[in-house]
Amino acid sequence: MPEQRQHLLRAKQNEALAESLRKDNGCNIDWAIVMLFYSALHYVDAYLAGKQAHPVDHKHRDDEIERNGAISDIFGDYRRLKDLSRAARYEIPEYTIDKLNLAKSKLGNIKKHLGKLGLPQPI
């Protein structure tokens, strides 16, 4: 199982990749949103790894977020990011910059909440 620091590094790398994509076409925006979702996933996994929990798949992670009282407040933001990501990968929505900004906001909410719980900043 990856350690907390590995998840934090991957989260940071995913955010950097999302930021590096040009925002002048829908495909790049779609993939930036996907990367932001996976950044959120790794921030959550980093938090859980610090508690010796390691979800094996999306369902277990979703269940942990929804049921864990410390992080259940982020479930709505996490779920919205996951839905945006899934649509980007399978429905070809060609999102606009507005959806990208929404995704960034959701990720920001997740990071802020996890930071309040003591999650270290990425390397």
PDB file of N, CA and C in Angstrom:
ATOM      1  N   MET A   1       0.838  -1.187   0.000  1.00  0.00           N
ATOM      2  CA  MET A   1       0.000   0.000   0.000  1.00  0.00           C
ATOM      3  C   MET A   1       0.884   1.252   0.000  1.00  0.00           C
ATOM      4  N   PRO A   2       0.524   2.234  -0.816  1.00  0.00           N
ATOM      5  CA  PRO A   2       1.289   3.484  -0.798  1.00  0.00           C
ATOM      6  C   PRO A   2       1.182   4.185   0.554  1.00  0.00           C
ATOM      7  N   GLU A   3       2.241   4.876   0.907  1.00  0.00           N
ATOM      8  CA  GLU A   3       2.278   5.641   2.144  1.00  0.00           C
ATOM      9  C   GLU A   3       1.654   7.013   1.924  1.00  0.00           C
ATOM     10  N   GLN A   4       1.386   7.699   3.022  1.00  0.00           N
ATOM     11  CA  GLN A   4       0.763   9.020   2.963  1.00  0.00           C
ATOM     12  C   GLN A   4       1.552   9.965   2.057  1.00  0.00           C
ATOM     13  N   ARG A   5       2.871  10.000   2.203  1.00  0.00           N
ATOM     14  CA  ARG A   5       3.681  10.934   1.424  1.00  0.00           C
ATOM     15  C   ARG A   5       3.611  10.625  -0.073  1.00  0.00           C
ATOM     16  N   GLN A   6       3.469   9.351  -0.423  1.00  0.00           N
ATOM     17  CA  GLN A   6       3.347   8.984  -1.837  1.00  0.00           C
ATOM     18  C   GLN A   6       2.026   9.496  -2.418  1.00  0.00           C
ATOM     19  N   HIS A   7       0.962   9.359  -1.642  1.00  0.00           N
ATOM     20  CA  HIS A   7      -0.327   9.885  -2.094  1.00  0.00           C
ATOM     21  C   HIS A   7      -0.267  11.405  -2.231  1.00  0.00           C
ATOM     22  N   LEU A   8       0.378  12.075  -1.291  1.00  0.00           N
ATOM     23  CA  LEU A   8       0.484  13.537  -1.356  1.00  0.00           C
ATOM     24  C   LEU A   8       1.272  13.983  -2.587  1.00  0.00           C
ATOM     25  N   LEU A   9       2.354  13.282  -2.875  1.00  0.00           N
ATOM     26  CA  LEU A   9       3.142  13.613  -4.060  1.00  0.00           C
ATOM     27  C   LEU A   9       2.322  13.417  -5.335  1.00  0.00           C
ATOM     28  N   ARG A  10       1.597  12.305  -5.413  1.00  0.00           N
ATOM     29  CA  ARG A  10       0.794  12.048  -6.614  1.00  0.00           C
ATOM     30  C   ARG A  10      -0.329  13.073  -6.745  1.00  0.00           C
ATOM     31  N   ALA A  11      -0.922  13.466  -5.632  1.00  0.00           N
ATOM     32  CA  ALA A  11      -1.964  14.490  -5.670  1.00  0.00           C
ATOM     33  C   ALA A  11      -1.404  15.786  -6.243  1.00  0.00           C
ATOM     34  N   LYS A  12      -0.235  16.178  -5.775  1.00  0.00           N
ATOM     35  CA  LYS A  12       0.410  17.404  -6.251  1.00  0.00           C
ATOM     36  C   LYS A  12       0.751  17.288  -7.734  1.00  0.00           C
ATOM     37  N   GLN A  13       1.261  16.147  -8.148  1.00  0.00           N
ATOM     38  CA  GLN A  13       1.601  15.937  -9.554  1.00  0.00           C
ATOM     39  C   GLN A  13       0.360  16.022 -10.438  1.00  0.00           C
ATOM     40  N   ASN A  14      -0.741  15.440  -9.984  1.00  0.00           N
ATOM     41  CA  ASN A  14      -1.981  15.492 -10.761  1.00  0.00           C
ATOM     42  C   ASN A  14      -2.480  16.929 -10.893  1.00  0.00           C
ATOM     43  N   GLU A  15      -2.397  17.699  -9.806  1.00  0.00           N
ATOM     44  CA  GLU A  15      -2.794  19.109  -9.862  1.00  0.00           C
ATOM     45  C   GLU A  15      -1.915  19.878 -10.840  1.00  0.00           C
ATOM     46  N   ALA A  16      -0.623  19.629 -10.799  1.00  0.00           N
ATOM     47  CA  ALA A  16       0.304  20.317 -11.701  1.00  0.00           C
ATOM     48  C   ALA A  16       0.007  19.966 -13.159  1.00  0.00           C
ATOM     49  N   LEU A  17      -0.294  18.709 -13.412  1.00  0.00           N
ATOM     50  CA  LEU A  17      -0.632  18.306 -14.777  1.00  0.00           C
ATOM     51  C   LEU A  17      -1.913  18.997 -15.232  1.00  0.00           C
ATOM     52  N   ALA A  18      -2.906  19.043 -14.368  1.00  0.00           N
ATOM     53  CA  ALA A  18      -4.162  19.722 -14.706  1.00  0.00           C
ATOM     54  C   ALA A  18      -3.896  21.186 -15.051  1.00  0.00           C
ATOM     55  N   GLU A  19      -3.036  21.818 -14.272  1.00  0.00           N
ATOM     56  CA  GLU A  19      -2.731  23.235 -14.490  1.00  0.00           C
ATOM     57  C   GLU A  19      -1.940  23.449 -15.784  1.00  0.00           C
ATOM     58  N   SER A  20      -1.135  22.459 -16.160  1.00  0.00           N
ATOM     59  CA  SER A  20      -0.283  22.614 -17.339  1.00  0.00           C
ATOM     60  C   SER A  20      -1.031  22.470 -18.666  1.00  0.00           C
ATOM     61  N   LEU A  21      -2.191  21.849 -18.631  1.00  0.00           N
ATOM     62  CA  LEU A  21      -2.944  21.654 -19.869  1.00  0.00           C
ATOM     63  C   LEU A  21      -3.484  22.987 -20.374  1.00  0.00           C
ATOM     64  N   ARG A  22      -3.339  23.223 -21.662  1.00  0.00           N
ATOM     65  CA  ARG A  22      -3.890  24.446 -22.243  1.00  0.00           C
ATOM     66  C   ARG A  22      -5.396  24.419 -22.099  1.00  0.00           C
ATOM     67  N   LYS A  23      -5.960  25.584 -21.836  1.00  0.00           N
ATOM     68  CA  LYS A  23      -7.407  25.666 -21.572  1.00  0.00           C
ATOM     69  C   LYS A  23      -8.173  26.215 -22.770  1.00  0.00           C
ATOM     70  N   ASP A  24      -7.640  25.967 -23.974  1.00  0.00           N
ATOM     71  CA  ASP A  24      -8.268  26.538 -25.162  1.00  0.00           C
ATOM     72  C   ASP A  24      -9.127  25.547 -25.946  1.00  0.00           C
ATOM     73  N   ASN A  25      -9.279  24.346 -25.420  1.00  0.00           N
ATOM     74  CA  ASN A  25     -10.206  23.418 -26.071  1.00  0.00           C
ATOM     75  C   ASN A  25     -10.829  22.487 -25.040  1.00  0.00           C
ATOM     76  N   GLY A  26     -11.989  21.970 -25.414  1.00  0.00           N
ATOM     77  CA  GLY A  26     -12.757  21.146 -24.484  1.00  0.00           C
ATOM     78  C   GLY A  26     -12.048  19.891 -24.037  1.00  0.00           C
ATOM     79  N   CYS A  27     -11.302  19.265 -24.924  1.00  0.00           N
ATOM     80  CA  CYS A  27     -10.620  18.025 -24.565  1.00  0.00           C
ATOM     81  C   CYS A  27      -9.606  18.270 -23.447  1.00  0.00           C
ATOM     82  N   ASN A  28      -8.843  19.333 -23.545  1.00  0.00           N
ATOM     83  CA  ASN A  28      -7.870  19.635 -22.491  1.00  0.00           C
ATOM     84  C   ASN A  28      -8.556  19.960 -21.178  1.00  0.00           C
ATOM     85  N   ILE A  29      -9.638  20.696 -21.235  1.00  0.00           N
ATOM     86  CA  ILE A  29     -10.387  21.020 -20.018  1.00  0.00           C
ATOM     87  C   ILE A  29     -10.956  19.746 -19.413  1.00  0.00           C
ATOM     88  N   ASP A  30     -11.509  18.881 -20.263  1.00  0.00           N
ATOM     89  CA  ASP A  30     -12.032  17.603 -19.774  1.00  0.00           C
ATOM     90  C   ASP A  30     -10.952  16.849 -18.996  1.00  0.00           C
ATOM     91  N   TRP A  31      -9.747  16.736 -19.577  1.00  0.00           N
ATOM     92  CA  TRP A  31      -8.684  15.979 -18.926  1.00  0.00           C
ATOM     93  C   TRP A  31      -8.132  16.696 -17.708  1.00  0.00           C
ATOM     94  N   ALA A  32      -8.167  18.011 -17.702  1.00  0.00           N
ATOM     95  CA  ALA A  32      -7.769  18.743 -16.493  1.00  0.00           C
ATOM     96  C   ALA A  32      -8.713  18.394 -15.347  1.00  0.00           C
ATOM     97  N   ILE A  33      -9.994  18.308 -15.640  1.00  0.00           N
ATOM     98  CA  ILE A  33     -10.981  17.943 -14.614  1.00  0.00           C
ATOM     99  C   ILE A  33     -10.738  16.523 -14.117  1.00  0.00           C
ATOM    100  N   VAL A  34     -10.414  15.616 -15.026  1.00  0.00           N
ATOM    101  CA  VAL A  34     -10.096  14.239 -14.621  1.00  0.00           C
ATOM    102  C   VAL A  34      -8.902  14.244 -13.660  1.00  0.00           C
ATOM    103  N   MET A  35      -7.877  15.011 -13.999  1.00  0.00           N
ATOM    104  CA  MET A  35      -6.696  15.056 -13.145  1.00  0.00           C
ATOM    105  C   MET A  35      -7.015  15.682 -11.783  1.00  0.00           C
ATOM    106  N   LEU A  36      -7.901  16.665 -11.755  1.00  0.00           N
ATOM    107  CA  LEU A  36      -8.291  17.260 -10.477  1.00  0.00           C
ATOM    108  C   LEU A  36      -9.030  16.247  -9.612  1.00  0.00           C
ATOM    109  N   PHE A  37      -9.871  15.420 -10.240  1.00  0.00           N
ATOM    110  CA  PHE A  37     -10.541  14.369  -9.468  1.00  0.00           C
ATOM    111  C   PHE A  37      -9.513  13.407  -8.872  1.00  0.00           C
ATOM    112  N   TYR A  38      -8.550  12.973  -9.689  1.00  0.00           N
ATOM    113  CA  TYR A  38      -7.567  12.030  -9.170  1.00  0.00           C
ATOM    114  C   TYR A  38      -6.656  12.680  -8.132  1.00  0.00           C
ATOM    115  N   SER A  39      -6.479  13.974  -8.217  1.00  0.00           N
ATOM    116  CA  SER A  39      -5.774  14.680  -7.156  1.00  0.00           C
ATOM    117  C   SER A  39      -6.573  14.578  -5.859  1.00  0.00           C
ATOM    118  N   ALA A  40      -7.881  14.830  -5.926  1.00  0.00           N
ATOM    119  CA  ALA A  40      -8.746  14.712  -4.747  1.00  0.00           C
ATOM    120  C   ALA A  40      -8.695  13.298  -4.188  1.00  0.00           C
ATOM    121  N   LEU A  41      -8.742  12.316  -5.061  1.00  0.00           N
ATOM    122  CA  LEU A  41      -8.681  10.915  -4.636  1.00  0.00           C
ATOM    123  C   LEU A  41      -7.412  10.671  -3.823  1.00  0.00           C
ATOM    124  N   HIS A  42      -6.284  11.179  -4.305  1.00  0.00           N
ATOM    125  CA  HIS A  42      -5.034  10.928  -3.587  1.00  0.00           C
ATOM    126  C   HIS A  42      -4.926  11.745  -2.306  1.00  0.00           C
ATOM    127  N   TYR A  43      -5.529  12.921  -2.257  1.00  0.00           N
ATOM    128  CA  TYR A  43      -5.573  13.646  -0.985  1.00  0.00           C
ATOM    129  C   TYR A  43      -6.385  12.855   0.046  1.00  0.00           C
ATOM    130  N   VAL A  44      -7.512  12.310  -0.381  1.00  0.00           N
ATOM    131  CA  VAL A  44      -8.326  11.490   0.519  1.00  0.00           C
ATOM    132  C   VAL A  44      -7.545  10.257   0.949  1.00  0.00           C
ATOM    133  N   ASP A  45      -6.912   9.592  -0.016  1.00  0.00           N
ATOM    134  CA  ASP A  45      -6.137   8.396   0.322  1.00  0.00           C
ATOM    135  C   ASP A  45      -4.971   8.726   1.246  1.00  0.00           C
ATOM    136  N   ALA A  46      -4.369   9.905   1.087  1.00  0.00           N
ATOM    137  CA  ALA A  46      -3.284  10.315   1.986  1.00  0.00           C
ATOM    138  C   ALA A  46      -3.817  10.455   3.407  1.00  0.00           C
ATOM    139  N   TYR A  47      -4.964  11.105   3.537  1.00  0.00           N
ATOM    140  CA  TYR A  47      -5.574  11.246   4.863  1.00  0.00           C
ATOM    141  C   TYR A  47      -5.857   9.871   5.463  1.00  0.00           C
ATOM    142  N   LEU A  48      -6.478   9.003   4.678  1.00  0.00           N
ATOM    143  CA  LEU A  48      -6.831   7.678   5.178  1.00  0.00           C
ATOM    144  C   LEU A  48      -5.595   6.839   5.492  1.00  0.00           C
ATOM    145  N   ALA A  49      -4.548   6.980   4.675  1.00  0.00           N
ATOM    146  CA  ALA A  49      -3.307   6.240   4.945  1.00  0.00           C
ATOM    147  C   ALA A  49      -2.728   6.652   6.294  1.00  0.00           C
ATOM    148  N   GLY A  50      -2.889   7.913   6.655  1.00  0.00           N
ATOM    149  CA  GLY A  50      -2.443   8.376   7.965  1.00  0.00           C
ATOM    150  C   GLY A  50      -3.225   7.756   9.102  1.00  0.00           C
ATOM    151  N   LYS A  51      -4.393   7.211   8.783  1.00  0.00           N
ATOM    152  CA  LYS A  51      -5.237   6.518   9.768  1.00  0.00           C
ATOM    153  C   LYS A  51      -5.163   5.002   9.582  1.00  0.00           C
ATOM    154  N   GLN A  52      -4.198   4.562   8.794  1.00  0.00           N
ATOM    155  CA  GLN A  52      -3.990   3.136   8.505  1.00  0.00           C
ATOM    156  C   GLN A  52      -5.157   2.504   7.764  1.00  0.00           C
ATOM    157  N   ALA A  53      -5.849   3.299   6.956  1.00  0.00           N
ATOM    158  CA  ALA A  53      -6.938   2.788   6.109  1.00  0.00           C
ATOM    159  C   ALA A  53      -6.501   2.929   4.660  1.00  0.00           C
ATOM    160  N   HIS A  54      -6.752   1.890   3.870  1.00  0.00           N
ATOM    161  CA  HIS A  54      -6.327   1.878   2.477  1.00  0.00           C
ATOM    162  C   HIS A  54      -7.456   1.314   1.608  1.00  0.00           C
ATOM    163  N   PRO A  55      -8.335   2.183   1.103  1.00  0.00           N
ATOM    164  CA  PRO A  55      -9.427   1.685   0.267  1.00  0.00           C
ATOM    165  C   PRO A  55      -8.871   0.952  -0.961  1.00  0.00           C
ATOM    166  N   VAL A  56      -9.508  -0.144  -1.308  1.00  0.00           N
ATOM    167  CA  VAL A  56      -9.028  -0.946  -2.432  1.00  0.00           C
ATOM    168  C   VAL A  56      -9.657  -0.555  -3.760  1.00  0.00           C
ATOM    169  N   ASP A  57     -10.748   0.200  -3.709  1.00  0.00           N
ATOM    170  CA  ASP A  57     -11.394   0.614  -4.947  1.00  0.00           C
ATOM    171  C   ASP A  57     -12.282   1.833  -4.678  1.00  0.00           C
ATOM    172  N   HIS A  58     -12.915   2.333  -5.740  1.00  0.00           N
ATOM    173  CA  HIS A  58     -13.746   3.533  -5.617  1.00  0.00           C
ATOM    174  C   HIS A  58     -14.906   3.331  -4.644  1.00  0.00           C
ATOM    175  N   LYS A  59     -15.538   2.169  -4.688  1.00  0.00           N
ATOM    176  CA  LYS A  59     -16.684   1.945  -3.815  1.00  0.00           C
ATOM    177  C   LYS A  59     -16.273   2.021  -2.337  1.00  0.00           C
ATOM    178  N   HIS A  60     -15.196   1.350  -1.993  1.00  0.00           N
ATOM    179  CA  HIS A  60     -14.741   1.376  -0.598  1.00  0.00           C
ATOM    180  C   HIS A  60     -14.340   2.799  -0.178  1.00  0.00           C
ATOM    181  N   ARG A  61     -13.694   3.523  -1.094  1.00  0.00           N
ATOM    182  CA  ARG A  61     -13.309   4.901  -0.783  1.00  0.00           C
ATOM    183  C   ARG A  61     -14.556   5.757  -0.590  1.00  0.00           C
ATOM    184  N   ASP A  62     -15.514   5.661  -1.504  1.00  0.00           N
ATOM    185  CA  ASP A  62     -16.762   6.426  -1.381  1.00  0.00           C
ATOM    186  C   ASP A  62     -17.457   6.125  -0.057  1.00  0.00           C
ATOM    187  N   ASP A  63     -17.535   4.836   0.285  1.00  0.00           N
ATOM    188  CA  ASP A  63     -18.177   4.438   1.537  1.00  0.00           C
ATOM    189  C   ASP A  63     -17.444   5.030   2.735  1.00  0.00           C
ATOM    190  N   GLU A  64     -16.118   5.013   2.688  1.00  0.00           N
ATOM    191  CA  GLU A  64     -15.322   5.547   3.798  1.00  0.00           C
ATOM    192  C   GLU A  64     -15.546   7.050   3.951  1.00  0.00           C
ATOM    193  N   ILE A  65     -15.567   7.757   2.840  1.00  0.00           N
ATOM    194  CA  ILE A  65     -15.791   9.207   2.905  1.00  0.00           C
ATOM    195  C   ILE A  65     -17.179   9.496   3.468  1.00  0.00           C
ATOM    196  N   GLU A  66     -18.164   8.798   2.972  1.00  0.00           N
ATOM    197  CA  GLU A  66     -19.547   9.051   3.387  1.00  0.00           C
ATOM    198  C   GLU A  66     -19.790   8.706   4.857  1.00  0.00           C
ATOM    199  N   ARG A  67     -19.150   7.651   5.354  1.00  0.00           N
ATOM    200  CA  ARG A  67     -19.423   7.177   6.718  1.00  0.00           C
ATOM    201  C   ARG A  67     -18.485   7.724   7.773  1.00  0.00           C
ATOM    202  N   ASN A  68     -17.286   8.142   7.365  1.00  0.00           N
ATOM    203  CA  ASN A  68     -16.292   8.610   8.327  1.00  0.00           C
ATOM    204  C   ASN A  68     -16.662  10.019   8.759  1.00  0.00           C
ATOM    205  N   GLY A  69     -17.060  10.167   9.998  1.00  0.00           N
ATOM    206  CA  GLY A  69     -17.535  11.459  10.493  1.00  0.00           C
ATOM    207  C   GLY A  69     -16.561  12.603  10.301  1.00  0.00           C
ATOM    208  N   ALA A  70     -15.266  12.320  10.343  1.00  0.00           N
ATOM    209  CA  ALA A  70     -14.271  13.384  10.182  1.00  0.00           C
ATOM    210  C   ALA A  70     -14.244  13.935   8.768  1.00  0.00           C
ATOM    211  N   ILE A  71     -14.555  13.095   7.775  1.00  0.00           N
ATOM    212  CA  ILE A  71     -14.460  13.547   6.387  1.00  0.00           C
ATOM    213  C   ILE A  71     -15.785  13.489   5.622  1.00  0.00           C
ATOM    214  N   SER A  72     -16.842  13.126   6.296  1.00  0.00           N
ATOM    215  CA  SER A  72     -18.124  13.007   5.594  1.00  0.00           C
ATOM    216  C   SER A  72     -18.588  14.340   5.008  1.00  0.00           C
ATOM    217  N   ASP A  73     -18.121  15.463   5.561  1.00  0.00           N
ATOM    218  CA  ASP A  73     -18.521  16.767   5.024  1.00  0.00           C
ATOM    219  C   ASP A  73     -18.000  17.011   3.605  1.00  0.00           C
ATOM    220  N   ILE A  74     -16.975  16.282   3.181  1.00  0.00           N
ATOM    221  CA  ILE A  74     -16.446  16.486   1.835  1.00  0.00           C
ATOM    222  C   ILE A  74     -17.112  15.578   0.805  1.00  0.00           C
ATOM    223  N   PHE A  75     -18.021  14.712   1.259  1.00  0.00           N
ATOM    224  CA  PHE A  75     -18.594  13.731   0.333  1.00  0.00           C
ATOM    225  C   PHE A  75     -19.250  14.392  -0.871  1.00  0.00           C
ATOM    226  N   GLY A  76     -20.016  15.453  -0.670  1.00  0.00           N
ATOM    227  CA  GLY A  76     -20.688  16.116  -1.786  1.00  0.00           C
ATOM    228  C   GLY A  76     -19.709  16.679  -2.802  1.00  0.00           C
ATOM    229  N   ASP A  77     -18.660  17.334  -2.322  1.00  0.00           N
ATOM    230  CA  ASP A  77     -17.652  17.885  -3.235  1.00  0.00           C
ATOM    231  C   ASP A  77     -16.909  16.774  -3.957  1.00  0.00           C
ATOM    232  N   TYR A  78     -16.543  15.735  -3.219  1.00  0.00           N
ATOM    233  CA  TYR A  78     -15.832  14.611  -3.820  1.00  0.00           C
ATOM    234  C   TYR A  78     -16.703  13.935  -4.884  1.00  0.00           C
ATOM    235  N   ARG A  79     -17.957  13.712  -4.530  1.00  0.00           N
ATOM    236  CA  ARG A  79     -18.872  13.049  -5.464  1.00  0.00           C
ATOM    237  C   ARG A  79     -19.083  13.879  -6.731  1.00  0.00           C
ATOM    238  N   ARG A  80     -19.192  15.196  -6.580  1.00  0.00           N
ATOM    239  CA  ARG A  80     -19.372  16.075  -7.743  1.00  0.00           C
ATOM    240  C   ARG A  80     -18.143  16.021  -8.647  1.00  0.00           C
ATOM    241  N   LEU A  81     -16.961  16.039  -8.057  1.00  0.00           N
ATOM    242  CA  LEU A  81     -15.735  15.920  -8.856  1.00  0.00           C
ATOM    243  C   LEU A  81     -15.672  14.569  -9.569  1.00  0.00           C
ATOM    244  N   LYS A  82     -16.047  13.527  -8.864  1.00  0.00           N
ATOM    245  CA  LYS A  82     -16.047  12.197  -9.463  1.00  0.00           C
ATOM    246  C   LYS A  82     -17.019  12.137 -10.636  1.00  0.00           C
ATOM    247  N   ASP A  83     -18.195  12.706 -10.478  1.00  0.00           N
ATOM    248  CA  ASP A  83     -19.190  12.720 -11.556  1.00  0.00           C
ATOM    249  C   ASP A  83     -18.709  13.525 -12.758  1.00  0.00           C
ATOM    250  N   LEU A  84     -18.085  14.686 -12.504  1.00  0.00           N
ATOM    251  CA  LEU A  84     -17.535  15.487 -13.597  1.00  0.00           C
ATOM    252  C   LEU A  84     -16.460  14.707 -14.342  1.00  0.00           C
ATOM    253  N   SER A  85     -15.612  14.017 -13.586  1.00  0.00           N
ATOM    254  CA  SER A  85     -14.540  13.223 -14.182  1.00  0.00           C
ATOM    255  C   SER A  85     -15.094  12.077 -15.025  1.00  0.00           C
ATOM    256  N   ARG A  86     -16.058  11.388 -14.487  1.00  0.00           N
ATOM    257  CA  ARG A  86     -16.653  10.261 -15.217  1.00  0.00           C
ATOM    258  C   ARG A  86     -17.295  10.751 -16.519  1.00  0.00           C
ATOM    259  N   ALA A  87     -18.018  11.846 -16.450  1.00  0.00           N
ATOM    260  CA  ALA A  87     -18.634  12.397 -17.663  1.00  0.00           C
ATOM    261  C   ALA A  87     -17.563  12.796 -18.675  1.00  0.00           C
ATOM    262  N   ALA A  88     -16.472  13.406 -18.202  1.00  0.00           N
ATOM    263  CA  ALA A  88     -15.389  13.809 -19.101  1.00  0.00           C
ATOM    264  C   ALA A  88     -14.792  12.606 -19.825  1.00  0.00           C
ATOM    265  N   ARG A  89     -14.679  11.487 -19.124  1.00  0.00           N
ATOM    266  CA  ARG A  89     -14.059  10.298 -19.716  1.00  0.00           C
ATOM    267  C   ARG A  89     -14.983   9.524 -20.638  1.00  0.00           C
ATOM    268  N   TYR A  90     -16.286   9.515 -20.349  1.00  0.00           N
ATOM    269  CA  TYR A  90     -17.170   8.626 -21.096  1.00  0.00           C
ATOM    270  C   TYR A  90     -18.244   9.313 -21.922  1.00  0.00           C
ATOM    271  N   GLU A  91     -18.605  10.539 -21.563  1.00  0.00           N
ATOM    272  CA  GLU A  91     -19.712  11.205 -22.247  1.00  0.00           C
ATOM    273  C   GLU A  91     -19.260  12.301 -23.204  1.00  0.00           C
ATOM    274  N   ILE A  92     -17.992  12.627 -23.213  1.00  0.00           N
ATOM    275  CA  ILE A  92     -17.395  13.639 -24.087  1.00  0.00           C
ATOM    276  C   ILE A  92     -18.179  14.952 -24.043  1.00  0.00           C
ATOM    277  N   PRO A  93     -18.274  15.577 -22.871  1.00  0.00           N
ATOM    278  CA  PRO A  93     -19.085  16.788 -22.746  1.00  0.00           C
ATOM    279  C   PRO A  93     -18.420  18.057 -23.278  1.00  0.00           C
ATOM    280  N   GLU A  94     -17.086  18.025 -23.493  1.00  0.00           N
ATOM    281  CA  GLU A  94     -16.341  19.226 -23.888  1.00  0.00           C
ATOM    282  C   GLU A  94     -16.683  20.382 -22.956  1.00  0.00           C
ATOM    283  N   TYR A  95     -16.293  20.196 -21.722  1.00  0.00           N
ATOM    284  CA  TYR A  95     -16.536  21.191 -20.689  1.00  0.00           C
ATOM    285  C   TYR A  95     -15.906  22.538 -21.044  1.00  0.00           C
ATOM    286  N   THR A  96     -16.460  23.575 -20.468  1.00  0.00           N
ATOM    287  CA  THR A  96     -15.923  24.926 -20.618  1.00  0.00           C
ATOM    288  C   THR A  96     -15.102  25.274 -19.384  1.00  0.00           C
ATOM    289  N   ILE A  97     -14.487  26.431 -19.436  1.00  0.00           N
ATOM    290  CA  ILE A  97     -13.670  26.906 -18.315  1.00  0.00           C
ATOM    291  C   ILE A  97     -14.496  27.025 -17.035  1.00  0.00           C
ATOM    292  N   ASP A  98     -15.799  27.284 -17.170  1.00  0.00           N
ATOM    293  CA  ASP A  98     -16.664  27.359 -15.985  1.00  0.00           C
ATOM    294  C   ASP A  98     -16.688  26.040 -15.220  1.00  0.00           C
ATOM    295  N   LYS A  99     -16.751  24.925 -15.932  1.00  0.00           N
ATOM    296  CA  LYS A  99     -16.747  23.611 -15.254  1.00  0.00           C
ATOM    297  C   LYS A  99     -15.385  23.336 -14.632  1.00  0.00           C
ATOM    298  N   LEU A 100     -14.324  23.778 -15.307  1.00  0.00           N
ATOM    299  CA  LEU A 100     -12.997  23.612 -14.732  1.00  0.00           C
ATOM    300  C   LEU A 100     -12.882  24.403 -13.431  1.00  0.00           C
ATOM    301  N   ASN A 101     -13.387  25.601 -13.424  1.00  0.00           N
ATOM    302  CA  ASN A 101     -13.361  26.416 -12.206  1.00  0.00           C
ATOM    303  C   ASN A 101     -14.190  25.778 -11.098  1.00  0.00           C
ATOM    304  N   LEU A 102     -15.316  25.169 -11.458  1.00  0.00           N
ATOM    305  CA  LEU A 102     -16.125  24.448 -10.480  1.00  0.00           C
ATOM    306  C   LEU A 102     -15.323  23.289  -9.889  1.00  0.00           C
ATOM    307  N   ALA A 103     -14.642  22.537 -10.754  1.00  0.00           N
ATOM    308  CA  ALA A 103     -13.831  21.408 -10.287  1.00  0.00           C
ATOM    309  C   ALA A 103     -12.721  21.893  -9.363  1.00  0.00           C
ATOM    310  N   LYS A 104     -12.074  22.992  -9.709  1.00  0.00           N
ATOM    311  CA  LYS A 104     -11.018  23.546  -8.853  1.00  0.00           C
ATOM    312  C   LYS A 104     -11.584  23.941  -7.483  1.00  0.00           C
ATOM    313  N   SER A 105     -12.778  24.498  -7.499  1.00  0.00           N
ATOM    314  CA  SER A 105     -13.428  24.891  -6.249  1.00  0.00           C
ATOM    315  C   SER A 105     -13.712  23.675  -5.373  1.00  0.00           C
ATOM    316  N   LYS A 106     -14.218  22.617  -5.977  1.00  0.00           N
ATOM    317  CA  LYS A 106     -14.508  21.387  -5.224  1.00  0.00           C
ATOM    318  C   LYS A 106     -13.230  20.813  -4.629  1.00  0.00           C
ATOM    319  N   LEU A 107     -12.154  20.781  -5.430  1.00  0.00           N
ATOM    320  CA  LEU A 107     -10.876  20.290  -4.924  1.00  0.00           C
ATOM    321  C   LEU A 107     -10.378  21.189  -3.792  1.00  0.00           C
ATOM    322  N   GLY A 108     -10.513  22.482  -3.954  1.00  0.00           N
ATOM    323  CA  GLY A 108     -10.098  23.412  -2.908  1.00  0.00           C
ATOM    324  C   GLY A 108     -10.822  23.166  -1.597  1.00  0.00           C
ATOM    325  N   ASN A 109     -12.125  22.902  -1.682  1.00  0.00           N
ATOM    326  CA  ASN A 109     -12.904  22.600  -0.479  1.00  0.00           C
ATOM    327  C   ASN A 109     -12.398  21.335   0.208  1.00  0.00           C
ATOM    328  N   ILE A 110     -12.082  20.335  -0.587  1.00  0.00           N
ATOM    329  CA  ILE A 110     -11.595  19.063  -0.050  1.00  0.00           C
ATOM    330  C   ILE A 110     -10.244  19.267   0.633  1.00  0.00           C
ATOM    331  N   LYS A 111      -9.335  19.953  -0.038  1.00  0.00           N
ATOM    332  CA  LYS A 111      -8.005  20.196   0.529  1.00  0.00           C
ATOM    333  C   LYS A 111      -8.098  21.009   1.825  1.00  0.00           C
ATOM    334  N   LYS A 112      -8.952  22.005   1.823  1.00  0.00           N
ATOM    335  CA  LYS A 112      -9.106  22.850   3.013  1.00  0.00           C
ATOM    336  C   LYS A 112      -9.599  22.020   4.192  1.00  0.00           C
ATOM    337  N   HIS A 113     -10.613  21.194   3.960  1.00  0.00           N
ATOM    338  CA  HIS A 113     -11.168  20.370   5.036  1.00  0.00           C
ATOM    339  C   HIS A 113     -10.119  19.389   5.567  1.00  0.00           C
ATOM    340  N   LEU A 114      -9.423  18.712   4.648  1.00  0.00           N
ATOM    341  CA  LEU A 114      -8.421  17.738   5.078  1.00  0.00           C
ATOM    342  C   LEU A 114      -7.261  18.439   5.791  1.00  0.00           C
ATOM    343  N   GLY A 115      -6.930  19.645   5.367  1.00  0.00           N
ATOM    344  CA  GLY A 115      -5.890  20.414   6.040  1.00  0.00           C
ATOM    345  C   GLY A 115      -6.266  20.732   7.482  1.00  0.00           C
ATOM    346  N   LYS A 116      -7.536  21.059   7.700  1.00  0.00           N
ATOM    347  CA  LYS A 116      -8.009  21.325   9.059  1.00  0.00           C
ATOM    348  C   LYS A 116      -7.905  20.094   9.945  1.00  0.00           C
ATOM    349  N   LEU A 117      -7.932  18.924   9.303  1.00  0.00           N
ATOM    350  CA  LEU A 117      -7.818  17.665  10.056  1.00  0.00           C
ATOM    351  C   LEU A 117      -6.356  17.254  10.245  1.00  0.00           C
ATOM    352  N   GLY A 118      -5.448  18.084   9.774  1.00  0.00           N
ATOM    353  CA  GLY A 118      -4.029  17.813   9.989  1.00  0.00           C
ATOM    354  C   GLY A 118      -3.298  17.156   8.847  1.00  0.00           C
ATOM    355  N   LEU A 119      -3.943  17.027   7.680  1.00  0.00           N
ATOM    356  CA  LEU A 119      -3.232  16.438   6.552  1.00  0.00           C
ATOM    357  C   LEU A 119      -2.071  17.351   6.179  1.00  0.00           C
ATOM    358  N   PRO A 120      -0.861  16.811   6.114  1.00  0.00           N
ATOM    359  CA  PRO A 120       0.289  17.641   5.747  1.00  0.00           C
ATOM    360  C   PRO A 120       0.148  18.194   4.328  1.00  0.00           C
ATOM    361  N   GLN A 121       0.844  19.283   4.076  1.00  0.00           N
ATOM    362  CA  GLN A 121       0.877  19.855   2.734  1.00  0.00           C
ATOM    363  C   GLN A 121       1.719  18.948   1.839  1.00  0.00           C
ATOM    364  N   PRO A 122       1.401  18.905   0.535  1.00  0.00           N
ATOM    365  CA  PRO A 122       2.205  18.084  -0.372  1.00  0.00           C
ATOM    366  C   PRO A 122       3.672  18.510  -0.375  1.00  0.00           C
ATOM    367  N   ILE A 123       4.504  17.589  -0.716  1.00  0.00           N
ATOM    368  CA  ILE A 123       5.957  17.799  -0.771  1.00  0.00           C
ATOM    369  C   ILE A 123       6.281  18.853  -1.816  1.00  0.00           C
TER     370      ILE A 123
END
